[in-house]
Amino acid sequence: NSLKPEEKAEYFCSAGGVEFYWGQG
């Protein structure tokens, strides 16, 4: 909410456990 222009970015999901994983964004 209340997004700001400087928050323009690629947003990534991650999952962390024994290993770490990324989404494509």
mmCIF file of all heavy atoms, coordinates in Angstrom:
data_MODEL
# 
_entry.id   MODEL 
# 
loop_
_atom_site.group_PDB 
_atom_site.id 
_atom_site.type_symbol 
_atom_site.label_atom_id 
_atom_site.label_alt_id 
_atom_site.label_comp_id 
_atom_site.label_asym_id 
_atom_site.label_entity_id 
_atom_site.label_seq_id 
_atom_site.pdbx_PDB_ins_code 
_atom_site.Cartn_x 
_atom_site.Cartn_y 
_atom_site.Cartn_z 
_atom_site.occupancy 
_atom_site.B_iso_or_equiv 
_atom_site.pdbx_formal_charge 
_atom_site.auth_seq_id 
_atom_site.auth_comp_id 
_atom_site.auth_asym_id 
_atom_site.auth_atom_id 
_atom_site.pdbx_PDB_model_num 
ATOM 1   N N   . ASN A 1 1  ? 0.832  -1.197  0.000   1.00 0.00 ? 1  ASN A N   1 
ATOM 2   C CA  . ASN A 1 1  ? 0.000  0.000   0.000   1.00 0.00 ? 1  ASN A CA  1 
ATOM 3   C C   . ASN A 1 1  ? 0.870  1.251   0.000   1.00 0.00 ? 1  ASN A C   1 
ATOM 4   O O   . ASN A 1 1  ? 2.043  1.201   0.357   1.00 0.00 ? 1  ASN A O   1 
ATOM 5   C CB  . ASN A 1 1  ? -0.917 0.007   1.230   1.00 0.00 ? 1  ASN A CB  1 
ATOM 6   C CG  . ASN A 1 1  ? -1.864 -1.165  1.262   1.00 0.00 ? 1  ASN A CG  1 
ATOM 7   O OD1 . ASN A 1 1  ? -2.334 -1.643  0.222   1.00 0.00 ? 1  ASN A OD1 1 
ATOM 8   N ND2 . ASN A 1 1  ? -2.154 -1.663  2.448   1.00 0.00 ? 1  ASN A ND2 1 
ATOM 9   N N   . SER A 1 2  ? 0.272  2.351   -0.395  1.00 0.00 ? 2  SER A N   1 
ATOM 10  C CA  . SER A 1 2  ? 0.968  3.648   -0.386  1.00 0.00 ? 2  SER A CA  1 
ATOM 11  C C   . SER A 1 2  ? 2.302  3.561   -1.120  1.00 0.00 ? 2  SER A C   1 
ATOM 12  O O   . SER A 1 2  ? 3.340  3.997   -0.604  1.00 0.00 ? 2  SER A O   1 
ATOM 13  C CB  . SER A 1 2  ? 1.164  4.135   1.053   1.00 0.00 ? 2  SER A CB  1 
ATOM 14  O OG  . SER A 1 2  ? -0.059 4.248   1.724   1.00 0.00 ? 2  SER A OG  1 
ATOM 15  N N   . LEU A 1 3  ? 2.278  2.993   -2.302  1.00 0.00 ? 3  LEU A N   1 
ATOM 16  C CA  . LEU A 1 3  ? 3.516  2.800   -3.056  1.00 0.00 ? 3  LEU A CA  1 
ATOM 17  C C   . LEU A 1 3  ? 4.120  4.132   -3.491  1.00 0.00 ? 3  LEU A C   1 
ATOM 18  O O   . LEU A 1 3  ? 3.412  5.095   -3.792  1.00 0.00 ? 3  LEU A O   1 
ATOM 19  C CB  . LEU A 1 3  ? 3.250  1.917   -4.266  1.00 0.00 ? 3  LEU A CB  1 
ATOM 20  C CG  . LEU A 1 3  ? 3.143  0.431   -3.935  1.00 0.00 ? 3  LEU A CG  1 
ATOM 21  C CD1 . LEU A 1 3  ? 2.427  -0.324  -5.035  1.00 0.00 ? 3  LEU A CD1 1 
ATOM 22  C CD2 . LEU A 1 3  ? 4.532  -0.153  -3.697  1.00 0.00 ? 3  LEU A CD2 1 
ATOM 23  N N   . LYS A 1 4  ? 5.442  4.132   -3.530  1.00 0.00 ? 4  LYS A N   1 
ATOM 24  C CA  . LYS A 1 4  ? 6.205  5.335   -3.871  1.00 0.00 ? 4  LYS A CA  1 
ATOM 25  C C   . LYS A 1 4  ? 6.931  5.120   -5.199  1.00 0.00 ? 4  LYS A C   1 
ATOM 26  O O   . LYS A 1 4  ? 7.305  3.989   -5.526  1.00 0.00 ? 4  LYS A O   1 
ATOM 27  C CB  . LYS A 1 4  ? 7.217  5.632   -2.769  1.00 0.00 ? 4  LYS A CB  1 
ATOM 28  C CG  . LYS A 1 4  ? 6.610  5.773   -1.388  1.00 0.00 ? 4  LYS A CG  1 
ATOM 29  C CD  . LYS A 1 4  ? 7.681  5.916   -0.330  1.00 0.00 ? 4  LYS A CD  1 
ATOM 30  C CE  . LYS A 1 4  ? 7.062  6.010   1.065   1.00 0.00 ? 4  LYS A CE  1 
ATOM 31  N NZ  . LYS A 1 4  ? 8.114  6.122   2.110   1.00 0.00 ? 4  LYS A NZ  1 
ATOM 32  N N   . PRO A 1 5  ? 7.173  6.171   -5.936  1.00 0.00 ? 5  PRO A N   1 
ATOM 33  C CA  . PRO A 1 5  ? 7.870  6.024   -7.225  1.00 0.00 ? 5  PRO A CA  1 
ATOM 34  C C   . PRO A 1 5  ? 9.221  5.321   -7.096  1.00 0.00 ? 5  PRO A C   1 
ATOM 35  O O   . PRO A 1 5  ? 9.618  4.566   -7.998  1.00 0.00 ? 5  PRO A O   1 
ATOM 36  C CB  . PRO A 1 5  ? 8.037  7.473   -7.691  1.00 0.00 ? 5  PRO A CB  1 
ATOM 37  C CG  . PRO A 1 5  ? 6.902  8.197   -7.060  1.00 0.00 ? 5  PRO A CG  1 
ATOM 38  C CD  . PRO A 1 5  ? 6.709  7.557   -5.713  1.00 0.00 ? 5  PRO A CD  1 
ATOM 39  N N   . GLU A 1 6  ? 9.920  5.572   -6.001  1.00 0.00 ? 6  GLU A N   1 
ATOM 40  C CA  . GLU A 1 6  ? 11.239 4.955   -5.823  1.00 0.00 ? 6  GLU A CA  1 
ATOM 41  C C   . GLU A 1 6  ? 11.153 3.464   -5.530  1.00 0.00 ? 6  GLU A C   1 
ATOM 42  O O   . GLU A 1 6  ? 12.189 2.789   -5.449  1.00 0.00 ? 6  GLU A O   1 
ATOM 43  C CB  . GLU A 1 6  ? 12.019 5.665   -4.702  1.00 0.00 ? 6  GLU A CB  1 
ATOM 44  C CG  . GLU A 1 6  ? 11.335 5.663   -3.349  1.00 0.00 ? 6  GLU A CG  1 
ATOM 45  C CD  . GLU A 1 6  ? 10.524 6.929   -3.113  1.00 0.00 ? 6  GLU A CD  1 
ATOM 46  O OE1 . GLU A 1 6  ? 9.966  7.487   -4.081  1.00 0.00 ? 6  GLU A OE1 1 
ATOM 47  O OE2 . GLU A 1 6  ? 10.466 7.350   -1.927  1.00 0.00 ? 6  GLU A OE2 1 
ATOM 48  N N   . GLU A 1 7  ? 9.945  2.954   -5.374  1.00 0.00 ? 7  GLU A N   1 
ATOM 49  C CA  . GLU A 1 7  ? 9.780  1.524   -5.147  1.00 0.00 ? 7  GLU A CA  1 
ATOM 50  C C   . GLU A 1 7  ? 9.568  0.747   -6.442  1.00 0.00 ? 7  GLU A C   1 
ATOM 51  O O   . GLU A 1 7  ? 9.285  -0.450  -6.426  1.00 0.00 ? 7  GLU A O   1 
ATOM 52  C CB  . GLU A 1 7  ? 8.643  1.287   -4.156  1.00 0.00 ? 7  GLU A CB  1 
ATOM 53  C CG  . GLU A 1 7  ? 9.018  1.806   -2.773  1.00 0.00 ? 7  GLU A CG  1 
ATOM 54  C CD  . GLU A 1 7  ? 7.951  1.633   -1.739  1.00 0.00 ? 7  GLU A CD  1 
ATOM 55  O OE1 . GLU A 1 7  ? 6.776  1.985   -1.992  1.00 0.00 ? 7  GLU A OE1 1 
ATOM 56  O OE2 . GLU A 1 7  ? 8.290  1.144   -0.646  1.00 0.00 ? 7  GLU A OE2 1 
ATOM 57  N N   . LYS A 1 8  ? 9.735  1.427   -7.550  1.00 0.00 ? 8  LYS A N   1 
ATOM 58  C CA  . LYS A 1 8  ? 9.769  0.723   -8.832  1.00 0.00 ? 8  LYS A CA  1 
ATOM 59  C C   . LYS A 1 8  ? 10.952 -0.246  -8.814  1.00 0.00 ? 8  LYS A C   1 
ATOM 60  O O   . LYS A 1 8  ? 12.093 0.143   -8.561  1.00 0.00 ? 8  LYS A O   1 
ATOM 61  C CB  . LYS A 1 8  ? 9.941  1.714   -9.972  1.00 0.00 ? 8  LYS A CB  1 
ATOM 62  C CG  . LYS A 1 8  ? 10.197 1.061   -11.312 1.00 0.00 ? 8  LYS A CG  1 
ATOM 63  C CD  . LYS A 1 8  ? 10.493 2.113   -12.379 1.00 0.00 ? 8  LYS A CD  1 
ATOM 64  C CE  . LYS A 1 8  ? 10.881 1.442   -13.682 1.00 0.00 ? 8  LYS A CE  1 
ATOM 65  N NZ  . LYS A 1 8  ? 11.158 2.432   -14.762 1.00 0.00 ? 8  LYS A NZ  1 
ATOM 66  N N   . ALA A 1 9  ? 10.667 -1.505  -9.060  1.00 0.00 ? 9  ALA A N   1 
ATOM 67  C CA  . ALA A 1 9  ? 11.719 -2.515  -8.986  1.00 0.00 ? 9  ALA A CA  1 
ATOM 68  C C   . ALA A 1 9  ? 11.192 -3.838  -9.512  1.00 0.00 ? 9  ALA A C   1 
ATOM 69  O O   . ALA A 1 9  ? 9.990  -4.006  -9.745  1.00 0.00 ? 9  ALA A O   1 
ATOM 70  C CB  . ALA A 1 9  ? 12.199 -2.683  -7.542  1.00 0.00 ? 9  ALA A CB  1 
ATOM 71  N N   . GLU A 1 10 ? 12.108 -4.776  -9.657  1.00 0.00 ? 10 GLU A N   1 
ATOM 72  C CA  . GLU A 1 10 ? 11.755 -6.163  -9.890  1.00 0.00 ? 10 GLU A CA  1 
ATOM 73  C C   . GLU A 1 10 ? 11.611 -6.801  -8.516  1.00 0.00 ? 10 GLU A C   1 
ATOM 74  O O   . GLU A 1 10 ? 12.507 -6.664  -7.672  1.00 0.00 ? 10 GLU A O   1 
ATOM 75  C CB  . GLU A 1 10 ? 12.848 -6.865  -10.689 1.00 0.00 ? 10 GLU A CB  1 
ATOM 76  C CG  . GLU A 1 10 ? 12.468 -8.227  -11.220 1.00 0.00 ? 10 GLU A CG  1 
ATOM 77  C CD  . GLU A 1 10 ? 11.681 -8.163  -12.523 1.00 0.00 ? 10 GLU A CD  1 
ATOM 78  O OE1 . GLU A 1 10 ? 11.506 -7.054  -13.070 1.00 0.00 ? 10 GLU A OE1 1 
ATOM 79  O OE2 . GLU A 1 10 ? 11.228 -9.218  -12.983 1.00 0.00 ? 10 GLU A OE2 1 
ATOM 80  N N   . TYR A 1 11 ? 10.486 -7.454  -8.296  1.00 0.00 ? 11 TYR A N   1 
ATOM 81  C CA  . TYR A 1 11 ? 10.221 -8.058  -6.993  1.00 0.00 ? 11 TYR A CA  1 
ATOM 82  C C   . TYR A 1 11 ? 10.329 -9.576  -7.112  1.00 0.00 ? 11 TYR A C   1 
ATOM 83  O O   . TYR A 1 11 ? 9.748  -10.177 -8.017  1.00 0.00 ? 11 TYR A O   1 
ATOM 84  C CB  . TYR A 1 11 ? 8.843  -7.651  -6.482  1.00 0.00 ? 11 TYR A CB  1 
ATOM 85  C CG  . TYR A 1 11 ? 8.819  -6.226  -5.960  1.00 0.00 ? 11 TYR A CG  1 
ATOM 86  C CD1 . TYR A 1 11 ? 8.833  -5.144  -6.830  1.00 0.00 ? 11 TYR A CD1 1 
ATOM 87  C CD2 . TYR A 1 11 ? 8.799  -5.975  -4.590  1.00 0.00 ? 11 TYR A CD2 1 
ATOM 88  C CE1 . TYR A 1 11 ? 8.838  -3.843  -6.340  1.00 0.00 ? 11 TYR A CE1 1 
ATOM 89  C CE2 . TYR A 1 11 ? 8.787  -4.677  -4.099  1.00 0.00 ? 11 TYR A CE2 1 
ATOM 90  C CZ  . TYR A 1 11 ? 8.804  -3.618  -4.980  1.00 0.00 ? 11 TYR A CZ  1 
ATOM 91  O OH  . TYR A 1 11 ? 8.805  -2.320  -4.502  1.00 0.00 ? 11 TYR A OH  1 
ATOM 92  N N   . PHE A 1 12 ? 11.078 -10.157 -6.187  1.00 0.00 ? 12 PHE A N   1 
ATOM 93  C CA  . PHE A 1 12 ? 11.374 -11.579 -6.225  1.00 0.00 ? 12 PHE A CA  1 
ATOM 94  C C   . PHE A 1 12 ? 10.859 -12.274 -4.974  1.00 0.00 ? 12 PHE A C   1 
ATOM 95  O O   . PHE A 1 12 ? 10.993 -11.764 -3.869  1.00 0.00 ? 12 PHE A O   1 
ATOM 96  C CB  . PHE A 1 12 ? 12.890 -11.816 -6.304  1.00 0.00 ? 12 PHE A CB  1 
ATOM 97  C CG  . PHE A 1 12 ? 13.532 -11.255 -7.532  1.00 0.00 ? 12 PHE A CG  1 
ATOM 98  C CD1 . PHE A 1 12 ? 13.986 -9.955  -7.560  1.00 0.00 ? 12 PHE A CD1 1 
ATOM 99  C CD2 . PHE A 1 12 ? 13.684 -12.045 -8.666  1.00 0.00 ? 12 PHE A CD2 1 
ATOM 100 C CE1 . PHE A 1 12 ? 14.593 -9.423  -8.690  1.00 0.00 ? 12 PHE A CE1 1 
ATOM 101 C CE2 . PHE A 1 12 ? 14.290 -11.538 -9.808  1.00 0.00 ? 12 PHE A CE2 1 
ATOM 102 C CZ  . PHE A 1 12 ? 14.738 -10.226 -9.818  1.00 0.00 ? 12 PHE A CZ  1 
ATOM 103 N N   . CYS A 1 13 ? 10.334 -13.458 -5.189  1.00 0.00 ? 13 CYS A N   1 
ATOM 104 C CA  . CYS A 1 13 ? 9.941  -14.334 -4.099  1.00 0.00 ? 13 CYS A CA  1 
ATOM 105 C C   . CYS A 1 13 ? 11.110 -15.264 -3.797  1.00 0.00 ? 13 CYS A C   1 
ATOM 106 O O   . CYS A 1 13 ? 11.859 -15.640 -4.701  1.00 0.00 ? 13 CYS A O   1 
ATOM 107 C CB  . CYS A 1 13 ? 8.715  -15.125 -4.532  1.00 0.00 ? 13 CYS A CB  1 
ATOM 108 S SG  . CYS A 1 13 ? 8.076  -16.303 -3.345  1.00 0.00 ? 13 CYS A SG  1 
ATOM 109 N N   . SER A 1 14 ? 11.248 -15.632 -2.540  1.00 0.00 ? 14 SER A N   1 
ATOM 110 C CA  . SER A 1 14 ? 12.314 -16.553 -2.157  1.00 0.00 ? 14 SER A CA  1 
ATOM 111 C C   . SER A 1 14 ? 11.787 -17.583 -1.181  1.00 0.00 ? 14 SER A C   1 
ATOM 112 O O   . SER A 1 14 ? 10.807 -17.348 -0.465  1.00 0.00 ? 14 SER A O   1 
ATOM 113 C CB  . SER A 1 14 ? 13.479 -15.794 -1.524  1.00 0.00 ? 14 SER A CB  1 
ATOM 114 O OG  . SER A 1 14 ? 13.104 -15.295 -0.241  1.00 0.00 ? 14 SER A OG  1 
ATOM 115 N N   . ALA A 1 15 ? 12.476 -18.726 -1.174  1.00 0.00 ? 15 ALA A N   1 
ATOM 116 C CA  . ALA A 1 15 ? 12.153 -19.781 -0.221  1.00 0.00 ? 15 ALA A CA  1 
ATOM 117 C C   . ALA A 1 15 ? 13.450 -20.260 0.392   1.00 0.00 ? 15 ALA A C   1 
ATOM 118 O O   . ALA A 1 15 ? 14.386 -20.626 -0.330  1.00 0.00 ? 15 ALA A O   1 
ATOM 119 C CB  . ALA A 1 15 ? 11.434 -20.933 -0.902  1.00 0.00 ? 15 ALA A CB  1 
ATOM 120 N N   . GLY A 1 16 ? 13.523 -20.259 1.704   1.00 0.00 ? 16 GLY A N   1 
ATOM 121 C CA  . GLY A 1 16 ? 14.752 -20.637 2.380   1.00 0.00 ? 16 GLY A CA  1 
ATOM 122 C C   . GLY A 1 16 ? 14.537 -21.761 3.356   1.00 0.00 ? 16 GLY A C   1 
ATOM 123 O O   . GLY A 1 16 ? 13.594 -21.751 4.152   1.00 0.00 ? 16 GLY A O   1 
ATOM 124 N N   . GLY A 1 17 ? 15.422 -22.731 3.263   1.00 0.00 ? 17 GLY A N   1 
ATOM 125 C CA  . GLY A 1 17 ? 15.389 -23.854 4.188   1.00 0.00 ? 17 GLY A CA  1 
ATOM 126 C C   . GLY A 1 17 ? 16.780 -24.453 4.196   1.00 0.00 ? 17 GLY A C   1 
ATOM 127 O O   . GLY A 1 17 ? 17.759 -23.747 4.433   1.00 0.00 ? 17 GLY A O   1 
ATOM 128 N N   . VAL A 1 18 ? 16.877 -25.719 3.886   1.00 0.00 ? 18 VAL A N   1 
ATOM 129 C CA  . VAL A 1 18 ? 18.196 -26.332 3.701   1.00 0.00 ? 18 VAL A CA  1 
ATOM 130 C C   . VAL A 1 18 ? 18.878 -25.682 2.497   1.00 0.00 ? 18 VAL A C   1 
ATOM 131 O O   . VAL A 1 18 ? 20.086 -25.434 2.494   1.00 0.00 ? 18 VAL A O   1 
ATOM 132 C CB  . VAL A 1 18 ? 18.065 -27.845 3.498   1.00 0.00 ? 18 VAL A CB  1 
ATOM 133 C CG1 . VAL A 1 18 ? 19.424 -28.459 3.193   1.00 0.00 ? 18 VAL A CG1 1 
ATOM 134 C CG2 . VAL A 1 18 ? 17.449 -28.484 4.739   1.00 0.00 ? 18 VAL A CG2 1 
ATOM 135 N N   . GLU A 1 19 ? 18.105 -25.397 1.464   1.00 0.00 ? 19 GLU A N   1 
ATOM 136 C CA  . GLU A 1 19 ? 18.608 -24.673 0.300   1.00 0.00 ? 19 GLU A CA  1 
ATOM 137 C C   . GLU A 1 19 ? 17.793 -23.392 0.116   1.00 0.00 ? 19 GLU A C   1 
ATOM 138 O O   . GLU A 1 19 ? 16.781 -23.187 0.793   1.00 0.00 ? 19 GLU A O   1 
ATOM 139 C CB  . GLU A 1 19 ? 18.518 -25.556 -0.942  1.00 0.00 ? 19 GLU A CB  1 
ATOM 140 C CG  . GLU A 1 19 ? 19.380 -26.808 -0.844  1.00 0.00 ? 19 GLU A CG  1 
ATOM 141 C CD  . GLU A 1 19 ? 19.372 -27.622 -2.126  1.00 0.00 ? 19 GLU A CD  1 
ATOM 142 O OE1 . GLU A 1 19 ? 19.162 -27.036 -3.200  1.00 0.00 ? 19 GLU A OE1 1 
ATOM 143 O OE2 . GLU A 1 19 ? 19.585 -28.840 -2.046  1.00 0.00 ? 19 GLU A OE2 1 
ATOM 144 N N   . PHE A 1 20 ? 18.263 -22.576 -0.790  1.00 0.00 ? 20 PHE A N   1 
ATOM 145 C CA  . PHE A 1 20 ? 17.608 -21.292 -1.034  1.00 0.00 ? 20 PHE A CA  1 
ATOM 146 C C   . PHE A 1 20 ? 17.191 -21.227 -2.491  1.00 0.00 ? 20 PHE A C   1 
ATOM 147 O O   . PHE A 1 20 ? 17.951 -21.575 -3.382  1.00 0.00 ? 20 PHE A O   1 
ATOM 148 C CB  . PHE A 1 20 ? 18.575 -20.144 -0.712  1.00 0.00 ? 20 PHE A CB  1 
ATOM 149 C CG  . PHE A 1 20 ? 17.903 -18.814 -0.551  1.00 0.00 ? 20 PHE A CG  1 
ATOM 150 C CD1 . PHE A 1 20 ? 17.373 -18.432 0.671   1.00 0.00 ? 20 PHE A CD1 1 
ATOM 151 C CD2 . PHE A 1 20 ? 17.777 -17.951 -1.630  1.00 0.00 ? 20 PHE A CD2 1 
ATOM 152 C CE1 . PHE A 1 20 ? 16.750 -17.203 0.828   1.00 0.00 ? 20 PHE A CE1 1 
ATOM 153 C CE2 . PHE A 1 20 ? 17.163 -16.727 -1.489  1.00 0.00 ? 20 PHE A CE2 1 
ATOM 154 C CZ  . PHE A 1 20 ? 16.641 -16.347 -0.262  1.00 0.00 ? 20 PHE A CZ  1 
ATOM 155 N N   . TYR A 1 21 ? 15.948 -20.737 -2.696  1.00 0.00 ? 21 TYR A N   1 
ATOM 156 C CA  . TYR A 1 21 ? 15.410 -20.685 -4.043  1.00 0.00 ? 21 TYR A CA  1 
ATOM 157 C C   . TYR A 1 21 ? 14.881 -19.289 -4.356  1.00 0.00 ? 21 TYR A C   1 
ATOM 158 O O   . TYR A 1 21 ? 14.380 -18.586 -3.465  1.00 0.00 ? 21 TYR A O   1 
ATOM 159 C CB  . TYR A 1 21 ? 14.263 -21.687 -4.184  1.00 0.00 ? 21 TYR A CB  1 
ATOM 160 C CG  . TYR A 1 21 ? 14.652 -23.103 -3.873  1.00 0.00 ? 21 TYR A CG  1 
ATOM 161 C CD1 . TYR A 1 21 ? 14.483 -23.626 -2.596  1.00 0.00 ? 21 TYR A CD1 1 
ATOM 162 C CD2 . TYR A 1 21 ? 15.189 -23.934 -4.853  1.00 0.00 ? 21 TYR A CD2 1 
ATOM 163 C CE1 . TYR A 1 21 ? 14.847 -24.929 -2.295  1.00 0.00 ? 21 TYR A CE1 1 
ATOM 164 C CE2 . TYR A 1 21 ? 15.542 -25.248 -4.563  1.00 0.00 ? 21 TYR A CE2 1 
ATOM 165 C CZ  . TYR A 1 21 ? 15.369 -25.723 -3.284  1.00 0.00 ? 21 TYR A CZ  1 
ATOM 166 O OH  . TYR A 1 21 ? 15.731 -27.022 -3.000  1.00 0.00 ? 21 TYR A OH  1 
ATOM 167 N N   . TRP A 1 22 ? 14.969 -18.946 -5.651  1.00 0.00 ? 22 TRP A N   1 
ATOM 168 C CA  . TRP A 1 22 ? 14.450 -17.667 -6.133  1.00 0.00 ? 22 TRP A CA  1 
ATOM 169 C C   . TRP A 1 22 ? 13.362 -17.903 -7.173  1.00 0.00 ? 22 TRP A C   1 
ATOM 170 O O   . TRP A 1 22 ? 13.444 -18.837 -7.959  1.00 0.00 ? 22 TRP A O   1 
ATOM 171 C CB  . TRP A 1 22 ? 15.560 -16.857 -6.808  1.00 0.00 ? 22 TRP A CB  1 
ATOM 172 C CG  . TRP A 1 22 ? 16.615 -16.318 -5.909  1.00 0.00 ? 22 TRP A CG  1 
ATOM 173 C CD1 . TRP A 1 22 ? 17.889 -16.774 -5.771  1.00 0.00 ? 22 TRP A CD1 1 
ATOM 174 C CD2 . TRP A 1 22 ? 16.516 -15.190 -5.027  1.00 0.00 ? 22 TRP A CD2 1 
ATOM 175 N NE1 . TRP A 1 22 ? 18.583 -16.014 -4.867  1.00 0.00 ? 22 TRP A NE1 1 
ATOM 176 C CE2 . TRP A 1 22 ? 17.760 -15.027 -4.398  1.00 0.00 ? 22 TRP A CE2 1 
ATOM 177 C CE3 . TRP A 1 22 ? 15.482 -14.303 -4.715  1.00 0.00 ? 22 TRP A CE3 1 
ATOM 178 C CZ2 . TRP A 1 22 ? 18.018 -14.018 -3.473  1.00 0.00 ? 22 TRP A CZ2 1 
ATOM 179 C CZ3 . TRP A 1 22 ? 15.741 -13.297 -3.792  1.00 0.00 ? 22 TRP A CZ3 1 
ATOM 180 C CH2 . TRP A 1 22 ? 16.985 -13.155 -3.183  1.00 0.00 ? 22 TRP A CH2 1 
ATOM 181 N N   . GLY A 1 23 ? 12.422 -16.981 -7.216  1.00 0.00 ? 23 GLY A N   1 
ATOM 182 C CA  . GLY A 1 23 ? 11.504 -16.915 -8.326  1.00 0.00 ? 23 GLY A CA  1 
ATOM 183 C C   . GLY A 1 23 ? 12.112 -16.101 -9.455  1.00 0.00 ? 23 GLY A C   1 
ATOM 184 O O   . GLY A 1 23 ? 13.208 -15.561 -9.327  1.00 0.00 ? 23 GLY A O   1 
ATOM 185 N N   . GLN A 1 24 ? 11.383 -15.979 -10.549 1.00 0.00 ? 24 GLN A N   1 
ATOM 186 C CA  . GLN A 1 24 ? 11.920 -15.277 -11.714 1.00 0.00 ? 24 GLN A CA  1 
ATOM 187 C C   . GLN A 1 24 ? 11.695 -13.772 -11.639 1.00 0.00 ? 24 GLN A C   1 
ATOM 188 O O   . GLN A 1 24 ? 12.296 -13.021 -12.413 1.00 0.00 ? 24 GLN A O   1 
ATOM 189 C CB  . GLN A 1 24 ? 11.292 -15.843 -12.997 1.00 0.00 ? 24 GLN A CB  1 
ATOM 190 C CG  . GLN A 1 24 ? 9.958  -15.227 -13.394 1.00 0.00 ? 24 GLN A CG  1 
ATOM 191 C CD  . GLN A 1 24 ? 8.800  -15.646 -12.500 1.00 0.00 ? 24 GLN A CD  1 
ATOM 192 O OE1 . GLN A 1 24 ? 8.926  -16.525 -11.665 1.00 0.00 ? 24 GLN A OE1 1 
ATOM 193 N NE2 . GLN A 1 24 ? 7.643  -15.012 -12.680 1.00 0.00 ? 24 GLN A NE2 1 
ATOM 194 N N   . GLY A 1 25 ? 10.854 -13.339 -10.724 1.00 0.00 ? 25 GLY A N   1 
ATOM 195 C CA  . GLY A 1 25 ? 10.629 -11.911 -10.534 1.00 0.00 ? 25 GLY A CA  1 
ATOM 196 C C   . GLY A 1 25 ? 9.394  -11.394 -11.249 1.00 0.00 ? 25 GLY A C   1 
ATOM 197 O O   . GLY A 1 25 ? 8.951  -11.962 -12.247 1.00 0.00 ? 25 GLY A O   1 
# 
